[in-house]
């Protein structure tokens, strides 16, 4: 299902994010909350609305990590790599 695929992608993204940015425990809790919200929204939102929540999630994570513009772009690239197949799957 789309939800289980998104959950797997979320774990992959979280793993890359931890390795790349080494968030504090407080930052990680905030990140996990945002990713859970994104994952939970998979079943109730269409693709366009879900992508809006995804962008909001990335912006929230970027703020939680206090990333500058360049690092924020890199974070978005990590997200796209992790979730690209899930986004394509949702469009079918």
PDB file of N, CA and C in Angstrom:
ATOM      1  N   UNK A   1       0.838  -1.195   0.000  1.00  0.00           N
ATOM      2  CA  UNK A   1       0.000   0.000   0.000  1.00  0.00           C
ATOM      3  C   UNK A   1       0.875   1.248   0.000  1.00  0.00           C
ATOM      4  N   UNK A   2       0.291   2.365  -0.338  1.00  0.00           N
ATOM      5  CA  UNK A   2       1.019   3.636  -0.368  1.00  0.00           C
ATOM      6  C   UNK A   2       1.525   3.989   1.024  1.00  0.00           C
ATOM      7  N   UNK A   3       0.708   3.735   2.048  1.00  0.00           N
ATOM      8  CA  UNK A   3       1.096   4.085   3.417  1.00  0.00           C
ATOM      9  C   UNK A   3       2.329   3.301   3.868  1.00  0.00           C
ATOM     10  N   UNK A   4       2.378   1.996   3.573  1.00  0.00           N
ATOM     11  CA  UNK A   4       3.531   1.209   4.000  1.00  0.00           C
ATOM     12  C   UNK A   4       4.779   1.610   3.226  1.00  0.00           C
ATOM     13  N   UNK A   5       4.615   1.965   1.962  1.00  0.00           N
ATOM     14  CA  UNK A   5       5.756   2.431   1.176  1.00  0.00           C
ATOM     15  C   UNK A   5       6.270   3.766   1.714  1.00  0.00           C
ATOM     16  N   UNK A   6       5.367   4.667   2.042  1.00  0.00           N
ATOM     17  CA  UNK A   6       5.766   5.959   2.603  1.00  0.00           C
ATOM     18  C   UNK A   6       6.474   5.746   3.932  1.00  0.00           C
ATOM     19  N   UNK A   7       5.972   4.821   4.749  1.00  0.00           N
ATOM     20  CA  UNK A   7       6.609   4.544   6.033  1.00  0.00           C
ATOM     21  C   UNK A   7       8.043   4.047   5.833  1.00  0.00           C
ATOM     22  N   UNK A   8       8.252   3.151   4.884  1.00  0.00           N
ATOM     23  CA  UNK A   8       9.608   2.651   4.595  1.00  0.00           C
ATOM     24  C   UNK A   8      10.512   3.785   4.124  1.00  0.00           C
ATOM     25  N   UNK A   9       9.978   4.632   3.258  1.00  0.00           N
ATOM     26  CA  UNK A   9      10.757   5.769   2.757  1.00  0.00           C
ATOM     27  C   UNK A   9      11.072   6.746   3.883  1.00  0.00           C
ATOM     28  N   UNK A  10      10.119   6.899   4.781  1.00  0.00           N
ATOM     29  CA  UNK A  10      10.327   7.786   5.921  1.00  0.00           C
ATOM     30  C   UNK A  10      11.483   7.294   6.785  1.00  0.00           C
ATOM     31  N   UNK A  11      11.545   5.995   7.027  1.00  0.00           N
ATOM     32  CA  UNK A  11      12.647   5.426   7.813  1.00  0.00           C
ATOM     33  C   UNK A  11      13.985   5.644   7.114  1.00  0.00           C
ATOM     34  N   UNK A  12      13.990   5.467   5.801  1.00  0.00           N
ATOM     35  CA  UNK A  12      15.215   5.683   5.031  1.00  0.00           C
ATOM     36  C   UNK A  12      15.648   7.151   5.125  1.00  0.00           C
ATOM     37  N   UNK A  13      14.699   8.059   4.944  1.00  0.00           N
ATOM     38  CA  UNK A  13      15.005   9.488   5.017  1.00  0.00           C
ATOM     39  C   UNK A  13      15.503   9.858   6.413  1.00  0.00           C
ATOM     40  N   UNK A  14      14.841   9.360   7.445  1.00  0.00           N
ATOM     41  CA  UNK A  14      15.253   9.665   8.815  1.00  0.00           C
ATOM     42  C   UNK A  14      16.668   9.169   9.077  1.00  0.00           C
ATOM     43  N   UNK A  15      16.987   8.001   8.587  1.00  0.00           N
ATOM     44  CA  UNK A  15      18.330   7.452   8.749  1.00  0.00           C
ATOM     45  C   UNK A  15      19.381   8.344   8.072  1.00  0.00           C
ATOM     46  N   UNK A  16      19.097   8.767   6.838  1.00  0.00           N
ATOM     47  CA  UNK A  16      20.034   9.650   6.123  1.00  0.00           C
ATOM     48  C   UNK A  16      20.138  10.995   6.829  1.00  0.00           C
ATOM     49  N   UNK A  17      19.035  11.490   7.322  1.00  0.00           N
ATOM     50  CA  UNK A  17      19.013  12.777   8.006  1.00  0.00           C
ATOM     51  C   UNK A  17      19.854  12.722   9.280  1.00  0.00           C
ATOM     52  N   UNK A  18      19.713  11.655  10.050  1.00  0.00           N
ATOM     53  CA  UNK A  18      20.500  11.500  11.281  1.00  0.00           C
ATOM     54  C   UNK A  18      21.985  11.424  10.956  1.00  0.00           C
ATOM     55  N   UNK A  19      22.318  10.652   9.941  1.00  0.00           N
ATOM     56  CA  UNK A  19      23.725  10.505   9.551  1.00  0.00           C
ATOM     57  C   UNK A  19      24.307  11.841   9.078  1.00  0.00           C
ATOM     58  N   UNK A  20      23.538  12.578   8.308  1.00  0.00           N
ATOM     59  CA  UNK A  20      24.019  13.820   7.700  1.00  0.00           C
ATOM     60  C   UNK A  20      24.064  14.994   8.681  1.00  0.00           C
ATOM     61  N   UNK A  21      23.025  15.144   9.515  1.00  0.00           N
ATOM     62  CA  UNK A  21      22.885  16.346  10.333  1.00  0.00           C
ATOM     63  C   UNK A  21      23.076  16.135  11.830  1.00  0.00           C
ATOM     64  N   UNK A  22      23.098  14.888  12.272  1.00  0.00           N
ATOM     65  CA  UNK A  22      23.318  14.546  13.669  1.00  0.00           C
ATOM     66  C   UNK A  22      22.475  15.419  14.617  1.00  0.00           C
ATOM     67  N   UNK A  23      21.136  15.306  14.508  1.00  0.00           N
ATOM     68  CA  UNK A  23      20.267  16.133  15.339  1.00  0.00           C
ATOM     69  C   UNK A  23      20.346  15.775  16.820  1.00  0.00           C
ATOM     70  N   UNK A  24      20.068  16.765  17.663  1.00  0.00           N
ATOM     71  CA  UNK A  24      19.971  16.514  19.099  1.00  0.00           C
ATOM     72  C   UNK A  24      18.720  15.679  19.355  1.00  0.00           C
ATOM     73  N   UNK A  25      18.574  15.204  20.566  1.00  0.00           N
ATOM     74  CA  UNK A  25      17.392  14.402  20.901  1.00  0.00           C
ATOM     75  C   UNK A  25      16.114  15.241  20.732  1.00  0.00           C
ATOM     76  N   UNK A  26      16.159  16.493  21.145  1.00  0.00           N
ATOM     77  CA  UNK A  26      14.994  17.371  21.005  1.00  0.00           C
ATOM     78  C   UNK A  26      14.655  17.599  19.524  1.00  0.00           C
ATOM     79  N   UNK A  27      15.676  17.842  18.720  1.00  0.00           N
ATOM     80  CA  UNK A  27      15.450  18.017  17.283  1.00  0.00           C
ATOM     81  C   UNK A  27      14.890  16.745  16.668  1.00  0.00           C
ATOM     82  N   UNK A  28      15.430  15.608  17.073  1.00  0.00           N
ATOM     83  CA  UNK A  28      14.973  14.329  16.535  1.00  0.00           C
ATOM     84  C   UNK A  28      13.510  14.066  16.896  1.00  0.00           C
ATOM     85  N   UNK A  29      13.113  14.424  18.110  1.00  0.00           N
ATOM     86  CA  UNK A  29      11.711  14.260  18.503  1.00  0.00           C
ATOM     87  C   UNK A  29      10.809  15.099  17.611  1.00  0.00           C
ATOM     88  N   UNK A  30      11.212  16.324  17.334  1.00  0.00           N
ATOM     89  CA  UNK A  30      10.435  17.200  16.456  1.00  0.00           C
ATOM     90  C   UNK A  30      10.368  16.626  15.045  1.00  0.00           C
ATOM     91  N   UNK A  31      11.485  16.132  14.548  1.00  0.00           N
ATOM     92  CA  UNK A  31      11.554  15.533  13.210  1.00  0.00           C
ATOM     93  C   UNK A  31      10.641  14.313  13.132  1.00  0.00           C
ATOM     94  N   UNK A  32      10.712  13.455  14.141  1.00  0.00           N
ATOM     95  CA  UNK A  32       9.877  12.253  14.145  1.00  0.00           C
ATOM     96  C   UNK A  32       8.393  12.611  14.163  1.00  0.00           C
ATOM     97  N   UNK A  33       8.021  13.643  14.923  1.00  0.00           N
ATOM     98  CA  UNK A  33       6.621  14.079  14.940  1.00  0.00           C
ATOM     99  C   UNK A  33       6.164  14.526  13.556  1.00  0.00           C
ATOM    100  N   UNK A  34       6.986  15.311  12.875  1.00  0.00           N
ATOM    101  CA  UNK A  34       6.639  15.809  11.542  1.00  0.00           C
ATOM    102  C   UNK A  34       6.544  14.655  10.534  1.00  0.00           C
ATOM    103  N   UNK A  35       7.489  13.723  10.600  1.00  0.00           N
ATOM    104  CA  UNK A  35       7.467  12.595   9.678  1.00  0.00           C
ATOM    105  C   UNK A  35       6.267  11.682   9.940  1.00  0.00           C
ATOM    106  N   UNK A  36       5.891  11.524  11.206  1.00  0.00           N
ATOM    107  CA  UNK A  36       4.714  10.716  11.532  1.00  0.00           C
ATOM    108  C   UNK A  36       3.466  11.380  10.951  1.00  0.00           C
ATOM    109  N   UNK A  37       3.364  12.681  11.086  1.00  0.00           N
ATOM    110  CA  UNK A  37       2.212  13.393  10.529  1.00  0.00           C
ATOM    111  C   UNK A  37       2.151  13.190   9.013  1.00  0.00           C
ATOM    112  N   UNK A  38       3.313  13.290   8.368  1.00  0.00           N
ATOM    113  CA  UNK A  38       3.373  13.091   6.916  1.00  0.00           C
ATOM    114  C   UNK A  38       2.933  11.680   6.553  1.00  0.00           C
ATOM    115  N   UNK A  39       3.439  10.707   7.256  1.00  0.00           N
ATOM    116  CA  UNK A  39       3.092   9.315   6.984  1.00  0.00           C
ATOM    117  C   UNK A  39       1.601   9.074   7.219  1.00  0.00           C
ATOM    118  N   UNK A  40       1.067   9.614   8.305  1.00  0.00           N
ATOM    119  CA  UNK A  40      -0.353   9.438   8.620  1.00  0.00           C
ATOM    120  C   UNK A  40      -1.262  10.078   7.576  1.00  0.00           C
ATOM    121  N   UNK A  41      -0.768  11.130   6.932  1.00  0.00           N
ATOM    122  CA  UNK A  41      -1.593  11.854   5.957  1.00  0.00           C
ATOM    123  C   UNK A  41      -1.708  11.122   4.613  1.00  0.00           C
ATOM    124  N   UNK A  42      -0.915  10.088   4.419  1.00  0.00           N
ATOM    125  CA  UNK A  42      -0.890   9.369   3.143  1.00  0.00           C
ATOM    126  C   UNK A  42      -2.261   8.828   2.749  1.00  0.00           C
ATOM    127  N   UNK A  43      -2.972   8.261   3.707  1.00  0.00           N
ATOM    128  CA  UNK A  43      -4.250   7.618   3.407  1.00  0.00           C
ATOM    129  C   UNK A  43      -5.391   8.613   3.204  1.00  0.00           C
ATOM    130  N   UNK A  44      -5.275   9.815   3.783  1.00  0.00           N
ATOM    131  CA  UNK A  44      -6.413  10.732   3.742  1.00  0.00           C
ATOM    132  C   UNK A  44      -6.261  11.876   2.749  1.00  0.00           C
ATOM    133  N   UNK A  45      -5.088  12.039   2.144  1.00  0.00           N
ATOM    134  CA  UNK A  45      -4.872  13.147   1.222  1.00  0.00           C
ATOM    135  C   UNK A  45      -4.605  12.645  -0.195  1.00  0.00           C
ATOM    136  N   UNK A  46      -4.961  13.453  -1.183  1.00  0.00           N
ATOM    137  CA  UNK A  46      -4.586  13.123  -2.557  1.00  0.00           C
ATOM    138  C   UNK A  46      -3.114  13.511  -2.765  1.00  0.00           C
ATOM    139  N   UNK A  47      -2.592  13.189  -3.919  1.00  0.00           N
ATOM    140  CA  UNK A  47      -1.164  13.407  -4.182  1.00  0.00           C
ATOM    141  C   UNK A  47      -0.760  14.874  -4.033  1.00  0.00           C
ATOM    142  N   UNK A  48      -1.546  15.783  -4.583  1.00  0.00           N
ATOM    143  CA  UNK A  48      -1.190  17.208  -4.541  1.00  0.00           C
ATOM    144  C   UNK A  48      -1.181  17.720  -3.102  1.00  0.00           C
ATOM    145  N   UNK A  49      -2.217  17.381  -2.334  1.00  0.00           N
ATOM    146  CA  UNK A  49      -2.270  17.825  -0.935  1.00  0.00           C
ATOM    147  C   UNK A  49      -1.145  17.193  -0.128  1.00  0.00           C
ATOM    148  N   UNK A  50      -0.858  15.916  -0.391  1.00  0.00           N
ATOM    149  CA  UNK A  50       0.230  15.238   0.320  1.00  0.00           C
ATOM    150  C   UNK A  50       1.555  15.921   0.021  1.00  0.00           C
ATOM    151  N   UNK A  51       1.787  16.307  -1.229  1.00  0.00           N
ATOM    152  CA  UNK A  51       3.035  16.993  -1.573  1.00  0.00           C
ATOM    153  C   UNK A  51       3.137  18.321  -0.841  1.00  0.00           C
ATOM    154  N   UNK A  52       2.010  19.008  -0.656  1.00  0.00           N
ATOM    155  CA  UNK A  52       2.013  20.247   0.128  1.00  0.00           C
ATOM    156  C   UNK A  52       2.430  19.992   1.564  1.00  0.00           C
ATOM    157  N   UNK A  53       1.898  18.912   2.156  1.00  0.00           N
ATOM    158  CA  UNK A  53       2.284  18.540   3.522  1.00  0.00           C
ATOM    159  C   UNK A  53       3.762  18.147   3.550  1.00  0.00           C
ATOM    160  N   UNK A  54       4.231  17.472   2.519  1.00  0.00           N
ATOM    161  CA  UNK A  54       5.641  17.074   2.447  1.00  0.00           C
ATOM    162  C   UNK A  54       6.555  18.297   2.439  1.00  0.00           C
ATOM    163  N   UNK A  55       6.201  19.301   1.653  1.00  0.00           N
ATOM    164  CA  UNK A  55       7.018  20.522   1.601  1.00  0.00           C
ATOM    165  C   UNK A  55       7.006  21.217   2.956  1.00  0.00           C
ATOM    166  N   UNK A  56       5.839  21.301   3.566  1.00  0.00           N
ATOM    167  CA  UNK A  56       5.731  21.894   4.898  1.00  0.00           C
ATOM    168  C   UNK A  56       6.587  21.117   5.912  1.00  0.00           C
ATOM    169  N   UNK A  57       6.579  19.799   5.785  1.00  0.00           N
ATOM    170  CA  UNK A  57       7.372  18.948   6.673  1.00  0.00           C
ATOM    171  C   UNK A  57       8.860  19.234   6.522  1.00  0.00           C
ATOM    172  N   UNK A  58       9.328  19.334   5.282  1.00  0.00           N
ATOM    173  CA  UNK A  58      10.750  19.611   5.037  1.00  0.00           C
ATOM    174  C   UNK A  58      11.125  20.982   5.590  1.00  0.00           C
ATOM    175  N   UNK A  59      10.247  21.959   5.393  1.00  0.00           N
ATOM    176  CA  UNK A  59      10.539  23.300   5.924  1.00  0.00           C
ATOM    177  C   UNK A  59      10.601  23.264   7.453  1.00  0.00           C
ATOM    178  N   UNK A  60       9.689  22.543   8.085  1.00  0.00           N
ATOM    179  CA  UNK A  60       9.694  22.429   9.545  1.00  0.00           C
ATOM    180  C   UNK A  60      10.965  21.746  10.050  1.00  0.00           C
ATOM    181  N   UNK A  61      11.381  20.695   9.363  1.00  0.00           N
ATOM    182  CA  UNK A  61      12.611  19.998   9.754  1.00  0.00           C
ATOM    183  C   UNK A  61      13.816  20.912   9.565  1.00  0.00           C
ATOM    184  N   UNK A  62      13.840  21.639   8.473  1.00  0.00           N
ATOM    185  CA  UNK A  62      14.942  22.566   8.207  1.00  0.00           C
ATOM    186  C   UNK A  62      15.035  23.621   9.309  1.00  0.00           C
ATOM    187  N   UNK A  63      13.889  24.131   9.725  1.00  0.00           N
ATOM    188  CA  UNK A  63      13.864  25.119  10.813  1.00  0.00           C
ATOM    189  C   UNK A  63      14.305  24.482  12.126  1.00  0.00           C
ATOM    190  N   UNK A  64      13.813  23.272  12.413  1.00  0.00           N
ATOM    191  CA  UNK A  64      14.191  22.577  13.650  1.00  0.00           C
ATOM    192  C   UNK A  64      15.696  22.358  13.727  1.00  0.00           C
ATOM    193  N   UNK A  65      16.318  22.127  12.570  1.00  0.00           N
ATOM    194  CA  UNK A  65      17.764  21.885  12.524  1.00  0.00           C
ATOM    195  C   UNK A  65      18.566  23.177  12.340  1.00  0.00           C
ATOM    196  N   UNK A  66      17.863  24.314  12.217  1.00  0.00           N
ATOM    197  CA  UNK A  66      18.520  25.619  12.000  1.00  0.00           C
ATOM    198  C   UNK A  66      19.450  25.592  10.790  1.00  0.00           C
ATOM    199  N   UNK A  67      18.954  25.060   9.673  1.00  0.00           N
ATOM    200  CA  UNK A  67      19.772  24.925   8.471  1.00  0.00           C
ATOM    201  C   UNK A  67      19.773  26.222   7.672  1.00  0.00           C
ATOM    202  N   UNK A  68      20.914  26.534   7.069  1.00  0.00           N
ATOM    203  CA  UNK A  68      20.971  27.664   6.145  1.00  0.00           C
ATOM    204  C   UNK A  68      20.377  27.216   4.808  1.00  0.00           C
ATOM    205  N   UNK A  69      20.303  28.130   3.867  1.00  0.00           N
ATOM    206  CA  UNK A  69      19.648  27.849   2.590  1.00  0.00           C
ATOM    207  C   UNK A  69      20.288  26.677   1.853  1.00  0.00           C
ATOM    208  N   UNK A  70      21.619  26.639   1.807  1.00  0.00           N
ATOM    209  CA  UNK A  70      22.312  25.566   1.081  1.00  0.00           C
ATOM    210  C   UNK A  70      22.041  24.204   1.728  1.00  0.00           C
ATOM    211  N   UNK A  71      22.114  24.155   3.054  1.00  0.00           N
ATOM    212  CA  UNK A  71      21.854  22.886   3.741  1.00  0.00           C
ATOM    213  C   UNK A  71      20.383  22.508   3.652  1.00  0.00           C
ATOM    214  N   UNK A  72      19.506  23.506   3.627  1.00  0.00           N
ATOM    215  CA  UNK A  72      18.079  23.234   3.445  1.00  0.00           C
ATOM    216  C   UNK A  72      17.805  22.611   2.094  1.00  0.00           C
ATOM    217  N   UNK A  73      18.495  23.103   1.066  1.00  0.00           N
ATOM    218  CA  UNK A  73      18.357  22.530  -0.273  1.00  0.00           C
ATOM    219  C   UNK A  73      18.853  21.087  -0.286  1.00  0.00           C
ATOM    220  N   UNK A  74      19.962  20.845   0.402  1.00  0.00           N
ATOM    221  CA  UNK A  74      20.494  19.482   0.484  1.00  0.00           C
ATOM    222  C   UNK A  74      19.493  18.564   1.200  1.00  0.00           C
ATOM    223  N   UNK A  75      18.877  19.064   2.261  1.00  0.00           N
ATOM    224  CA  UNK A  75      17.862  18.294   2.975  1.00  0.00           C
ATOM    225  C   UNK A  75      16.715  17.934   2.032  1.00  0.00           C
ATOM    226  N   UNK A  76      16.275  18.901   1.231  1.00  0.00           N
ATOM    227  CA  UNK A  76      15.205  18.653   0.275  1.00  0.00           C
ATOM    228  C   UNK A  76      15.631  17.603  -0.755  1.00  0.00           C
ATOM    229  N   UNK A  77      16.886  17.656  -1.185  1.00  0.00           N
ATOM    230  CA  UNK A  77      17.395  16.649  -2.124  1.00  0.00           C
ATOM    231  C   UNK A  77      17.376  15.245  -1.502  1.00  0.00           C
ATOM    232  N   UNK A  78      17.763  15.150  -0.217  1.00  0.00           N
ATOM    233  CA  UNK A  78      17.705  13.855   0.476  1.00  0.00           C
ATOM    234  C   UNK A  78      16.270  13.348   0.520  1.00  0.00           C
ATOM    235  N   UNK A  79      15.349  14.255   0.800  1.00  0.00           N
ATOM    236  CA  UNK A  79      13.943  13.884   0.853  1.00  0.00           C
ATOM    237  C   UNK A  79      13.459  13.381  -0.502  1.00  0.00           C
ATOM    238  N   UNK A  80      13.789  14.126  -1.553  1.00  0.00           N
ATOM    239  CA  UNK A  80      13.362  13.713  -2.899  1.00  0.00           C
ATOM    240  C   UNK A  80      13.908  12.347  -3.251  1.00  0.00           C
ATOM    241  N   UNK A  81      15.169  12.098  -2.914  1.00  0.00           N
ATOM    242  CA  UNK A  81      15.753  10.786  -3.207  1.00  0.00           C
ATOM    243  C   UNK A  81      15.011   9.683  -2.462  1.00  0.00           C
ATOM    244  N   UNK A  82      14.674   9.925  -1.210  1.00  0.00           N
ATOM    245  CA  UNK A  82      14.002   8.915  -0.399  1.00  0.00           C
ATOM    246  C   UNK A  82      12.574   8.661  -0.851  1.00  0.00           C
ATOM    247  N   UNK A  83      11.877   9.731  -1.232  1.00  0.00           N
ATOM    248  CA  UNK A  83      10.446   9.622  -1.464  1.00  0.00           C
ATOM    249  C   UNK A  83      10.040   9.600  -2.929  1.00  0.00           C
ATOM    250  N   UNK A  84      10.968   9.688  -3.855  1.00  0.00           N
ATOM    251  CA  UNK A  84      10.612   9.782  -5.259  1.00  0.00           C
ATOM    252  C   UNK A  84       9.721   8.642  -5.730  1.00  0.00           C
ATOM    253  N   UNK A  85      10.079   7.430  -5.390  1.00  0.00           N
ATOM    254  CA  UNK A  85       9.281   6.279  -5.817  1.00  0.00           C
ATOM    255  C   UNK A  85       7.898   6.284  -5.170  1.00  0.00           C
ATOM    256  N   UNK A  86       7.818   6.724  -3.923  1.00  0.00           N
ATOM    257  CA  UNK A  86       6.520   6.797  -3.261  1.00  0.00           C
ATOM    258  C   UNK A  86       5.627   7.815  -3.925  1.00  0.00           C
ATOM    259  N   UNK A  87       6.198   8.955  -4.315  1.00  0.00           N
ATOM    260  CA  UNK A  87       5.422   9.996  -4.983  1.00  0.00           C
ATOM    261  C   UNK A  87       4.928   9.480  -6.327  1.00  0.00           C
ATOM    262  N   UNK A  88       5.791   8.787  -7.054  1.00  0.00           N
ATOM    263  CA  UNK A  88       5.381   8.220  -8.353  1.00  0.00           C
ATOM    264  C   UNK A  88       4.290   7.181  -8.165  1.00  0.00           C
ATOM    265  N   UNK A  89       4.422   6.364  -7.116  1.00  0.00           N
ATOM    266  CA  UNK A  89       3.429   5.333  -6.844  1.00  0.00           C
ATOM    267  C   UNK A  89       2.070   5.950  -6.551  1.00  0.00           C
ATOM    268  N   UNK A  90       2.059   7.072  -5.806  1.00  0.00           N
ATOM    269  CA  UNK A  90       0.811   7.740  -5.443  1.00  0.00           C
ATOM    270  C   UNK A  90       0.095   8.307  -6.658  1.00  0.00           C
ATOM    271  N   UNK A  91       0.841   8.600  -7.712  1.00  0.00           N
ATOM    272  CA  UNK A  91       0.211   9.207  -8.886  1.00  0.00           C
ATOM    273  C   UNK A  91      -0.489   8.180  -9.759  1.00  0.00           C
ATOM    274  N   UNK A  92      -0.272   6.909  -9.495  1.00  0.00           N
ATOM    275  CA  UNK A  92      -0.923   5.865 -10.293  1.00  0.00           C
ATOM    276  C   UNK A  92      -2.281   5.500  -9.727  1.00  0.00           C
TER     277      UNK A  92
END
